[in-house]
């Protein structure tokens, strides 16, 4: 539907940045996690058309799912790099609210084996989330978009207990705060 308004959006010039979430390119996973959202392949096609229409774009690689392994993240980030986005946000799926319960139910009803064990405890989720953030950071460097990457680490990951559990707490905290506090660019 957004494509219908690209001409209107263009009248805003650099005051408008068009974007959407693209957590994966796997339509099967997105159908389970985001059943009412357009398929990722449709979202990518819309982002490509927005870029072709002359719009500035951003992409939220959020929320990534535990099933989004390094290969999946690499495919997704390569496709995003081709869009030349102003900003790329990343956030692993969180355990707030009723997410874990809804995901477990979706796993049971869809017949797709989901990695619900990452929601079993705060420690399990923190380990998964940190790995996801680090993987996206590394892959973004490999595909040339790390300068536009803005990580959205959950506040739990900045807690003193998590920081102190790291092999090098000082380096971890510096890395986390730098990525967390990044200010996204605006079109020139």
N, C-alpha and C. Protein backbone atom coordinates (compact mmCIF):
# COMPACT_ATOMS: atom_id res chain seq x y z
N UNK A 1 0.82 -1.19 0.00
CA UNK A 1 0.00 0.00 0.00
C UNK A 1 0.86 1.26 0.00
N UNK A 2 2.01 1.19 0.66
CA UNK A 2 2.88 2.37 0.73
C UNK A 2 3.32 2.82 -0.65
N UNK A 3 3.46 1.87 -1.57
CA UNK A 3 3.92 2.21 -2.92
C UNK A 3 2.99 3.19 -3.62
N UNK A 4 1.73 3.18 -3.23
CA UNK A 4 0.77 4.09 -3.84
C UNK A 4 1.10 5.55 -3.53
N UNK A 5 1.84 5.79 -2.46
CA UNK A 5 2.13 7.15 -2.03
C UNK A 5 3.58 7.58 -2.27
N UNK A 6 4.34 6.83 -3.04
CA UNK A 6 5.74 7.22 -3.26
C UNK A 6 5.85 8.61 -3.88
N UNK A 7 4.95 8.97 -4.80
CA UNK A 7 5.00 10.31 -5.38
C UNK A 7 4.80 11.38 -4.30
N UNK A 8 3.84 11.15 -3.43
CA UNK A 8 3.61 12.07 -2.32
C UNK A 8 4.82 12.13 -1.41
N UNK A 9 5.36 10.98 -1.06
CA UNK A 9 6.53 10.94 -0.18
C UNK A 9 7.69 11.73 -0.78
N UNK A 10 7.86 11.64 -2.07
CA UNK A 10 8.96 12.35 -2.73
C UNK A 10 8.84 13.87 -2.60
N UNK A 11 7.63 14.37 -2.43
CA UNK A 11 7.47 15.82 -2.30
C UNK A 11 8.07 16.34 -1.00
N UNK A 12 8.32 15.46 -0.05
CA UNK A 12 8.92 15.85 1.23
C UNK A 12 10.44 15.96 1.14
N UNK A 13 11.00 15.49 0.04
CA UNK A 13 12.45 15.56 -0.14
C UNK A 13 13.20 14.88 0.98
N UNK A 14 14.23 15.55 1.47
CA UNK A 14 15.07 14.93 2.49
C UNK A 14 14.45 14.97 3.89
N UNK A 15 13.25 15.49 4.00
CA UNK A 15 12.57 15.50 5.30
C UNK A 15 11.89 14.18 5.61
N UNK A 16 11.88 13.26 4.65
CA UNK A 16 11.21 11.98 4.85
C UNK A 16 12.18 10.84 4.57
N UNK A 17 12.19 9.89 5.48
CA UNK A 17 12.97 8.66 5.29
C UNK A 17 11.97 7.51 5.38
N UNK A 18 11.93 6.69 4.35
CA UNK A 18 10.98 5.59 4.27
C UNK A 18 11.66 4.30 4.73
N UNK A 19 10.98 3.54 5.54
CA UNK A 19 11.58 2.27 5.95
C UNK A 19 10.56 1.33 6.55
N UNK A 20 11.05 0.15 6.84
CA UNK A 20 10.22 -0.86 7.49
C UNK A 20 11.12 -1.94 8.07
N UNK A 21 10.49 -2.82 8.81
CA UNK A 21 11.26 -3.92 9.40
C UNK A 21 11.47 -5.03 8.38
N UNK A 22 12.61 -5.67 8.49
CA UNK A 22 12.96 -6.81 7.65
C UNK A 22 13.86 -7.72 8.48
N UNK A 23 13.24 -8.50 9.38
CA UNK A 23 14.04 -9.32 10.29
C UNK A 23 14.72 -10.51 9.65
N UNK A 24 14.21 -10.95 8.53
CA UNK A 24 14.72 -12.13 7.83
C UNK A 24 14.11 -12.09 6.43
N UNK A 25 14.64 -12.89 5.54
CA UNK A 25 14.00 -13.05 4.25
C UNK A 25 13.21 -14.36 4.18
N UNK A 26 13.15 -15.06 5.31
CA UNK A 26 12.43 -16.33 5.38
C UNK A 26 10.95 -16.09 5.64
N UNK A 27 10.16 -16.24 4.61
CA UNK A 27 8.71 -16.03 4.74
C UNK A 27 8.08 -17.01 5.73
N UNK A 28 8.61 -18.25 5.78
CA UNK A 28 8.03 -19.25 6.68
C UNK A 28 8.14 -18.84 8.14
N UNK A 29 9.30 -18.32 8.53
CA UNK A 29 9.48 -17.87 9.92
C UNK A 29 8.64 -16.64 10.22
N UNK A 30 8.64 -15.69 9.32
CA UNK A 30 7.88 -14.47 9.54
C UNK A 30 6.39 -14.76 9.69
N UNK A 31 5.91 -15.74 8.96
CA UNK A 31 4.48 -16.09 9.06
C UNK A 31 4.13 -16.57 10.47
N UNK A 32 5.07 -17.21 11.13
CA UNK A 32 4.83 -17.69 12.48
C UNK A 32 4.99 -16.54 13.49
N UNK A 33 6.08 -15.77 13.37
CA UNK A 33 6.37 -14.72 14.33
C UNK A 33 5.53 -13.46 14.12
N UNK A 34 5.24 -13.13 12.87
CA UNK A 34 4.49 -11.92 12.55
C UNK A 34 3.37 -12.26 11.56
N UNK A 35 2.38 -13.01 12.02
CA UNK A 35 1.37 -13.55 11.10
C UNK A 35 0.54 -12.51 10.37
N UNK A 36 0.45 -11.31 10.88
CA UNK A 36 -0.40 -10.30 10.24
C UNK A 36 0.41 -9.28 9.44
N UNK A 37 1.71 -9.45 9.38
CA UNK A 37 2.58 -8.52 8.64
C UNK A 37 2.81 -9.05 7.22
N UNK A 38 3.11 -8.15 6.29
CA UNK A 38 3.46 -8.61 4.93
C UNK A 38 4.69 -9.52 4.97
N UNK A 39 4.78 -10.42 4.03
CA UNK A 39 5.92 -11.34 3.93
C UNK A 39 7.21 -10.54 3.74
N UNK A 40 8.32 -11.02 4.28
CA UNK A 40 9.60 -10.33 4.11
C UNK A 40 9.97 -10.08 2.66
N UNK A 41 9.67 -11.02 1.78
CA UNK A 41 10.00 -10.80 0.37
C UNK A 41 9.19 -9.63 -0.20
N UNK A 42 7.96 -9.44 0.28
CA UNK A 42 7.16 -8.28 -0.14
C UNK A 42 7.76 -6.99 0.42
N UNK A 43 8.21 -7.04 1.66
CA UNK A 43 8.80 -5.85 2.27
C UNK A 43 10.08 -5.45 1.53
N UNK A 44 10.92 -6.43 1.21
CA UNK A 44 12.14 -6.14 0.47
C UNK A 44 11.81 -5.53 -0.90
N UNK A 45 10.83 -6.09 -1.58
CA UNK A 45 10.43 -5.56 -2.89
C UNK A 45 9.95 -4.11 -2.76
N UNK A 46 9.22 -3.82 -1.70
CA UNK A 46 8.74 -2.45 -1.47
C UNK A 46 9.90 -1.51 -1.18
N UNK A 47 10.84 -1.96 -0.39
CA UNK A 47 12.02 -1.12 -0.10
C UNK A 47 12.83 -0.85 -1.38
N UNK A 48 12.96 -1.87 -2.23
CA UNK A 48 13.67 -1.68 -3.50
C UNK A 48 12.94 -0.65 -4.37
N UNK A 49 11.63 -0.75 -4.43
CA UNK A 49 10.84 0.19 -5.23
C UNK A 49 10.93 1.60 -4.64
N UNK A 50 10.98 1.70 -3.34
CA UNK A 50 11.13 3.01 -2.70
C UNK A 50 12.45 3.64 -3.09
N UNK A 51 13.50 2.85 -3.06
CA UNK A 51 14.83 3.34 -3.46
C UNK A 51 14.82 3.76 -4.93
N UNK A 52 14.23 2.92 -5.78
CA UNK A 52 14.13 3.23 -7.21
C UNK A 52 13.32 4.50 -7.46
N UNK A 53 12.35 4.77 -6.57
CA UNK A 53 11.51 5.97 -6.70
C UNK A 53 12.22 7.22 -6.18
N UNK A 54 13.45 7.03 -5.67
CA UNK A 54 14.24 8.18 -5.20
C UNK A 54 14.08 8.50 -3.73
N UNK A 55 13.44 7.62 -2.98
CA UNK A 55 13.27 7.86 -1.55
C UNK A 55 14.52 7.43 -0.78
N UNK A 56 14.78 8.12 0.31
CA UNK A 56 15.82 7.70 1.25
C UNK A 56 15.20 6.58 2.09
N UNK A 57 15.95 5.51 2.32
CA UNK A 57 15.38 4.39 3.06
C UNK A 57 16.21 4.03 4.28
N UNK A 58 15.52 3.43 5.23
CA UNK A 58 16.16 2.80 6.38
C UNK A 58 15.54 1.43 6.53
N UNK A 59 16.22 0.55 7.25
CA UNK A 59 15.70 -0.79 7.48
C UNK A 59 15.91 -1.15 8.95
N UNK A 60 14.89 -1.72 9.54
CA UNK A 60 14.98 -2.25 10.90
C UNK A 60 15.07 -3.76 10.80
N UNK A 61 16.23 -4.31 11.06
CA UNK A 61 16.41 -5.76 11.08
C UNK A 61 15.95 -6.17 12.48
N UNK A 62 14.64 -6.15 12.63
CA UNK A 62 14.07 -6.30 13.96
C UNK A 62 12.61 -6.74 13.86
N UNK A 63 12.22 -7.59 14.77
CA UNK A 63 13.09 -8.32 15.67
C UNK A 63 13.61 -9.58 14.99
N UNK A 64 14.90 -9.82 15.11
CA UNK A 64 15.42 -11.07 14.57
C UNK A 64 15.03 -12.19 15.52
N UNK A 65 14.85 -13.36 14.95
CA UNK A 65 14.38 -14.52 15.71
C UNK A 65 15.54 -15.45 16.04
N UNK A 66 15.40 -16.29 17.06
CA UNK A 66 16.47 -17.23 17.39
C UNK A 66 16.84 -18.15 16.22
N UNK A 67 15.91 -18.38 15.31
CA UNK A 67 16.17 -19.24 14.15
C UNK A 67 16.99 -18.53 13.07
N UNK A 68 17.17 -17.23 13.20
CA UNK A 68 17.98 -16.46 12.25
C UNK A 68 19.45 -16.69 12.56
N UNK A 69 20.00 -17.74 11.96
CA UNK A 69 21.40 -18.06 12.20
C UNK A 69 22.29 -17.14 11.37
N UNK A 70 23.59 -17.37 11.45
CA UNK A 70 24.53 -16.49 10.74
C UNK A 70 24.29 -16.49 9.24
N UNK A 71 23.97 -17.64 8.66
CA UNK A 71 23.72 -17.70 7.21
C UNK A 71 22.50 -16.86 6.85
N UNK A 72 21.45 -16.97 7.64
CA UNK A 72 20.24 -16.19 7.39
C UNK A 72 20.51 -14.69 7.56
N UNK A 73 21.21 -14.33 8.61
CA UNK A 73 21.54 -12.92 8.84
C UNK A 73 22.39 -12.37 7.69
N UNK A 74 23.31 -13.17 7.19
CA UNK A 74 24.17 -12.72 6.08
C UNK A 74 23.36 -12.48 4.81
N UNK A 75 22.45 -13.39 4.49
CA UNK A 75 21.59 -13.21 3.31
C UNK A 75 20.76 -11.94 3.46
N UNK A 76 20.18 -11.76 4.62
CA UNK A 76 19.34 -10.58 4.88
C UNK A 76 20.15 -9.30 4.79
N UNK A 77 21.31 -9.27 5.43
CA UNK A 77 22.12 -8.04 5.43
C UNK A 77 22.71 -7.74 4.05
N UNK A 78 23.02 -8.75 3.27
CA UNK A 78 23.49 -8.50 1.89
C UNK A 78 22.38 -7.84 1.07
N UNK A 79 21.16 -8.33 1.21
CA UNK A 79 20.03 -7.74 0.48
C UNK A 79 19.80 -6.30 0.93
N UNK A 80 19.96 -6.06 2.21
CA UNK A 80 19.79 -4.70 2.74
C UNK A 80 20.91 -3.79 2.24
N UNK A 81 22.13 -4.28 2.19
CA UNK A 81 23.25 -3.47 1.72
C UNK A 81 23.01 -2.97 0.29
N UNK A 82 22.36 -3.80 -0.52
CA UNK A 82 22.07 -3.40 -1.90
C UNK A 82 21.12 -2.21 -1.97
N UNK A 83 20.36 -1.97 -0.89
CA UNK A 83 19.44 -0.83 -0.85
C UNK A 83 20.16 0.48 -0.54
N UNK A 84 21.40 0.39 -0.07
CA UNK A 84 22.16 1.56 0.35
C UNK A 84 21.36 2.41 1.34
N UNK A 85 20.91 1.80 2.44
CA UNK A 85 20.06 2.53 3.38
C UNK A 85 20.86 3.56 4.18
N UNK A 86 20.16 4.60 4.64
CA UNK A 86 20.79 5.60 5.49
C UNK A 86 21.16 4.98 6.84
N UNK A 87 20.25 4.19 7.37
CA UNK A 87 20.44 3.59 8.68
C UNK A 87 19.90 2.17 8.67
N UNK A 88 20.56 1.31 9.42
CA UNK A 88 20.09 -0.06 9.62
C UNK A 88 20.04 -0.26 11.13
N UNK A 89 18.86 -0.54 11.62
CA UNK A 89 18.67 -0.83 13.04
C UNK A 89 18.65 -2.34 13.22
N UNK A 90 19.11 -2.81 14.37
CA UNK A 90 19.00 -4.24 14.67
C UNK A 90 18.61 -4.44 16.12
N UNK A 91 17.65 -5.33 16.31
CA UNK A 91 17.24 -5.73 17.65
C UNK A 91 16.84 -7.19 17.63
N UNK A 92 17.44 -7.99 18.51
CA UNK A 92 16.97 -9.37 18.66
C UNK A 92 15.60 -9.36 19.33
N UNK A 93 14.80 -10.36 19.05
CA UNK A 93 13.49 -10.43 19.69
C UNK A 93 13.69 -10.45 21.20
N UNK A 94 12.80 -9.80 21.92
CA UNK A 94 12.97 -9.71 23.38
C UNK A 94 11.99 -10.60 24.12
N UNK A 95 12.16 -10.68 25.40
CA UNK A 95 11.31 -11.56 26.22
C UNK A 95 10.30 -10.78 27.04
N UNK A 96 10.11 -9.51 26.70
CA UNK A 96 9.13 -8.71 27.43
C UNK A 96 7.72 -9.15 27.09
N UNK A 97 6.82 -8.70 27.94
CA UNK A 97 5.38 -8.94 27.77
C UNK A 97 5.11 -10.44 27.65
N UNK A 98 4.33 -10.81 26.67
CA UNK A 98 3.95 -12.22 26.52
C UNK A 98 4.61 -12.87 25.32
N UNK A 99 5.73 -12.31 24.86
CA UNK A 99 6.39 -12.85 23.67
C UNK A 99 6.68 -14.33 23.78
N UNK A 100 7.31 -14.75 24.87
CA UNK A 100 7.73 -16.15 24.99
C UNK A 100 6.54 -17.09 24.93
N UNK A 101 5.46 -16.74 25.60
CA UNK A 101 4.26 -17.58 25.59
C UNK A 101 3.65 -17.65 24.20
N UNK A 102 3.56 -16.51 23.53
CA UNK A 102 2.99 -16.47 22.18
C UNK A 102 3.85 -17.26 21.20
N UNK A 103 5.16 -17.17 21.35
CA UNK A 103 6.06 -17.88 20.44
C UNK A 103 5.96 -19.38 20.66
N UNK A 104 5.89 -19.81 21.91
CA UNK A 104 5.75 -21.24 22.20
C UNK A 104 4.45 -21.77 21.61
N UNK A 105 3.38 -21.01 21.74
CA UNK A 105 2.09 -21.43 21.17
C UNK A 105 2.16 -21.48 19.65
N UNK A 106 2.80 -20.49 19.03
CA UNK A 106 2.94 -20.48 17.57
C UNK A 106 3.74 -21.69 17.10
N UNK A 107 4.74 -22.07 17.88
CA UNK A 107 5.54 -23.24 17.54
C UNK A 107 4.68 -24.50 17.55
N UNK A 108 3.85 -24.62 18.57
CA UNK A 108 2.99 -25.80 18.68
C UNK A 108 1.97 -25.86 17.54
N UNK A 109 1.34 -24.73 17.24
CA UNK A 109 0.26 -24.74 16.24
C UNK A 109 0.76 -24.73 14.80
N UNK A 110 1.96 -24.22 14.56
CA UNK A 110 2.46 -24.14 13.18
C UNK A 110 3.13 -25.42 12.71
N UNK A 111 3.58 -26.21 13.66
CA UNK A 111 4.32 -27.41 13.30
C UNK A 111 5.77 -27.12 12.97
N UNK A 112 6.19 -25.87 13.08
CA UNK A 112 7.58 -25.49 12.83
C UNK A 112 8.32 -25.50 14.16
N UNK A 113 9.43 -26.17 14.21
CA UNK A 113 10.25 -26.24 15.43
C UNK A 113 10.96 -24.91 15.61
N UNK A 114 10.57 -24.18 16.64
CA UNK A 114 11.19 -22.91 16.96
C UNK A 114 12.14 -23.10 18.14
N UNK A 115 13.13 -22.26 18.22
CA UNK A 115 14.13 -22.35 19.30
C UNK A 115 13.64 -21.62 20.55
N UNK A 116 12.56 -22.15 21.13
CA UNK A 116 11.95 -21.49 22.29
C UNK A 116 12.80 -21.61 23.55
N UNK A 117 13.81 -22.46 23.53
CA UNK A 117 14.66 -22.62 24.71
C UNK A 117 15.41 -21.32 25.06
N UNK A 118 15.58 -20.43 24.10
CA UNK A 118 16.27 -19.18 24.40
C UNK A 118 15.44 -18.28 25.32
N UNK A 119 14.15 -18.59 25.45
CA UNK A 119 13.28 -17.81 26.32
C UNK A 119 13.09 -18.45 27.70
N UNK A 120 13.81 -19.52 27.97
CA UNK A 120 13.64 -20.26 29.21
C UNK A 120 14.09 -19.47 30.44
N UNK A 121 15.08 -18.62 30.28
CA UNK A 121 15.57 -17.83 31.41
C UNK A 121 16.20 -16.55 30.88
N UNK A 122 16.41 -15.61 31.78
CA UNK A 122 17.05 -14.36 31.37
C UNK A 122 18.47 -14.63 30.88
N UNK A 123 19.16 -15.57 31.51
CA UNK A 123 20.53 -15.89 31.09
C UNK A 123 20.55 -16.49 29.69
N UNK A 124 19.61 -17.40 29.40
CA UNK A 124 19.54 -18.01 28.07
C UNK A 124 19.22 -16.95 27.02
N UNK A 125 18.26 -16.09 27.33
CA UNK A 125 17.90 -15.04 26.38
C UNK A 125 19.06 -14.05 26.19
N UNK A 126 19.72 -13.66 27.27
CA UNK A 126 20.83 -12.71 27.17
C UNK A 126 21.94 -13.26 26.29
N UNK A 127 22.24 -14.55 26.47
CA UNK A 127 23.27 -15.18 25.65
C UNK A 127 22.88 -15.14 24.17
N UNK A 128 21.64 -15.51 23.88
CA UNK A 128 21.14 -15.47 22.49
C UNK A 128 21.20 -14.04 21.94
N UNK A 129 20.69 -13.06 22.70
CA UNK A 129 20.61 -11.69 22.21
C UNK A 129 21.99 -11.11 21.95
N UNK A 130 22.92 -11.36 22.86
CA UNK A 130 24.29 -10.86 22.66
C UNK A 130 24.94 -11.49 21.43
N UNK A 131 24.73 -12.77 21.25
CA UNK A 131 25.28 -13.44 20.07
C UNK A 131 24.69 -12.85 18.79
N UNK A 132 23.40 -12.58 18.80
CA UNK A 132 22.75 -11.99 17.65
C UNK A 132 23.31 -10.60 17.34
N UNK A 133 23.45 -9.77 18.37
CA UNK A 133 24.00 -8.43 18.18
C UNK A 133 25.42 -8.49 17.62
N UNK A 134 26.23 -9.37 18.19
CA UNK A 134 27.62 -9.49 17.73
C UNK A 134 27.69 -10.04 16.30
N UNK A 135 26.83 -11.01 15.98
CA UNK A 135 26.82 -11.57 14.63
C UNK A 135 26.42 -10.51 13.61
N UNK A 136 25.38 -9.76 13.91
CA UNK A 136 24.93 -8.72 12.98
C UNK A 136 26.03 -7.67 12.82
N UNK A 137 26.69 -7.29 13.91
CA UNK A 137 27.77 -6.31 13.84
C UNK A 137 28.89 -6.80 12.92
N UNK A 138 29.29 -8.06 13.11
CA UNK A 138 30.38 -8.64 12.29
C UNK A 138 29.98 -8.74 10.83
N UNK A 139 28.78 -9.23 10.56
CA UNK A 139 28.32 -9.39 9.18
C UNK A 139 28.13 -8.03 8.52
N UNK A 140 27.64 -7.06 9.26
CA UNK A 140 27.47 -5.71 8.71
C UNK A 140 28.82 -5.14 8.28
N UNK A 141 29.86 -5.43 9.06
CA UNK A 141 31.21 -4.99 8.65
C UNK A 141 31.62 -5.68 7.36
N UNK A 142 31.34 -6.98 7.25
CA UNK A 142 31.71 -7.75 6.06
C UNK A 142 31.00 -7.24 4.80
N UNK A 143 29.75 -6.81 4.93
CA UNK A 143 28.99 -6.38 3.75
C UNK A 143 29.04 -4.86 3.55
N UNK A 144 29.79 -4.17 4.42
CA UNK A 144 30.03 -2.74 4.22
C UNK A 144 28.97 -1.79 4.72
N UNK A 145 28.18 -2.20 5.70
CA UNK A 145 27.17 -1.28 6.23
C UNK A 145 27.29 -1.04 7.73
N UNK A 146 28.42 -1.40 8.32
CA UNK A 146 28.57 -1.21 9.77
C UNK A 146 28.56 0.26 10.16
N UNK A 147 28.96 1.14 9.22
CA UNK A 147 28.95 2.56 9.53
C UNK A 147 27.52 3.10 9.65
N UNK A 148 26.55 2.33 9.22
CA UNK A 148 25.14 2.74 9.30
C UNK A 148 24.35 1.90 10.29
N UNK A 149 25.02 0.99 10.96
CA UNK A 149 24.35 0.07 11.87
C UNK A 149 24.12 0.69 13.23
N UNK A 150 22.90 0.62 13.68
CA UNK A 150 22.51 1.11 15.00
C UNK A 150 21.91 -0.08 15.74
N UNK A 151 22.64 -0.57 16.74
CA UNK A 151 22.14 -1.71 17.52
C UNK A 151 21.17 -1.21 18.58
N UNK A 152 20.13 -1.98 18.77
CA UNK A 152 19.15 -1.69 19.82
C UNK A 152 19.24 -2.77 20.89
N UNK A 153 20.27 -2.75 21.72
CA UNK A 153 20.33 -3.78 22.76
C UNK A 153 19.28 -3.49 23.83
N UNK A 154 18.60 -4.51 24.26
CA UNK A 154 17.63 -4.39 25.34
C UNK A 154 18.34 -3.87 26.58
N UNK A 155 17.64 -3.10 27.40
CA UNK A 155 18.28 -2.53 28.59
C UNK A 155 18.82 -3.61 29.53
N UNK A 156 18.25 -4.79 29.49
CA UNK A 156 18.76 -5.90 30.31
C UNK A 156 20.23 -6.17 30.00
N UNK A 157 20.60 -6.03 28.72
CA UNK A 157 21.98 -6.33 28.31
C UNK A 157 22.97 -5.30 28.82
N UNK A 158 22.46 -4.17 29.28
CA UNK A 158 23.33 -3.15 29.86
C UNK A 158 23.33 -3.17 31.37
N UNK A 159 22.68 -4.18 31.94
CA UNK A 159 22.63 -4.26 33.41
C UNK A 159 24.01 -4.61 33.96
N UNK A 160 24.26 -4.20 35.14
CA UNK A 160 25.56 -4.42 35.78
C UNK A 160 25.87 -5.92 35.86
N UNK A 161 24.87 -6.76 36.14
CA UNK A 161 25.13 -8.19 36.27
C UNK A 161 25.58 -8.79 34.93
N UNK A 162 24.98 -8.37 33.83
CA UNK A 162 25.39 -8.88 32.51
C UNK A 162 26.79 -8.34 32.18
N UNK A 163 27.00 -7.06 32.39
CA UNK A 163 28.30 -6.46 32.10
C UNK A 163 29.40 -7.18 32.87
N UNK A 164 29.18 -7.41 34.14
CA UNK A 164 30.19 -8.05 34.98
C UNK A 164 30.40 -9.53 34.65
N UNK A 165 29.45 -10.13 33.93
CA UNK A 165 29.60 -11.55 33.56
C UNK A 165 30.45 -11.73 32.30
N UNK A 166 30.79 -10.66 31.65
CA UNK A 166 31.57 -10.73 30.41
C UNK A 166 33.05 -10.98 30.71
N UNK A 167 33.77 -11.65 29.80
CA UNK A 167 35.20 -11.89 29.99
C UNK A 167 35.99 -10.59 30.19
N UNK A 168 35.61 -9.55 29.45
CA UNK A 168 36.25 -8.24 29.59
C UNK A 168 35.13 -7.21 29.76
N UNK A 169 34.64 -7.04 30.99
CA UNK A 169 33.49 -6.16 31.23
C UNK A 169 33.67 -4.74 30.70
N UNK A 170 34.85 -4.20 30.84
CA UNK A 170 35.11 -2.83 30.39
C UNK A 170 34.96 -2.71 28.87
N UNK A 171 35.56 -3.63 28.14
CA UNK A 171 35.48 -3.61 26.68
C UNK A 171 34.05 -3.84 26.21
N UNK A 172 33.36 -4.77 26.86
CA UNK A 172 31.96 -5.05 26.50
C UNK A 172 31.11 -3.81 26.71
N UNK A 173 31.26 -3.18 27.85
CA UNK A 173 30.44 -2.00 28.15
C UNK A 173 30.72 -0.88 27.16
N UNK A 174 31.98 -0.68 26.81
CA UNK A 174 32.34 0.35 25.84
C UNK A 174 31.71 0.04 24.48
N UNK A 175 31.83 -1.21 24.02
CA UNK A 175 31.24 -1.62 22.75
C UNK A 175 29.73 -1.41 22.77
N UNK A 176 29.09 -1.88 23.83
CA UNK A 176 27.63 -1.79 23.94
C UNK A 176 27.18 -0.34 23.94
N UNK A 177 27.79 0.49 24.75
CA UNK A 177 27.38 1.90 24.85
C UNK A 177 27.63 2.65 23.54
N UNK A 178 28.72 2.34 22.86
CA UNK A 178 29.01 3.00 21.59
C UNK A 178 27.94 2.68 20.56
N UNK A 179 27.59 1.41 20.44
CA UNK A 179 26.58 1.01 19.45
C UNK A 179 25.19 1.47 19.88
N UNK A 180 24.94 1.47 21.17
CA UNK A 180 23.63 1.82 21.71
C UNK A 180 23.35 3.31 21.50
N UNK A 181 24.37 4.13 21.65
CA UNK A 181 24.21 5.58 21.62
C UNK A 181 24.37 6.19 20.24
N UNK A 182 24.58 5.38 19.24
CA UNK A 182 24.81 5.90 17.89
C UNK A 182 23.62 6.73 17.43
N UNK A 183 23.89 7.86 16.83
CA UNK A 183 22.85 8.72 16.27
C UNK A 183 22.79 8.48 14.77
N UNK A 184 21.60 8.19 14.29
CA UNK A 184 21.42 7.89 12.88
C UNK A 184 21.52 9.14 12.03
N UNK A 185 21.99 8.95 10.80
CA UNK A 185 22.14 10.05 9.87
C UNK A 185 20.78 10.51 9.34
N UNK A 186 20.79 11.69 8.78
CA UNK A 186 19.62 12.22 8.11
C UNK A 186 20.04 12.58 6.69
N UNK A 187 19.17 12.47 5.73
CA UNK A 187 19.57 12.79 4.35
C UNK A 187 20.13 14.21 4.24
N UNK A 188 21.09 14.38 3.37
CA UNK A 188 21.67 15.72 3.13
C UNK A 188 21.03 16.36 1.93
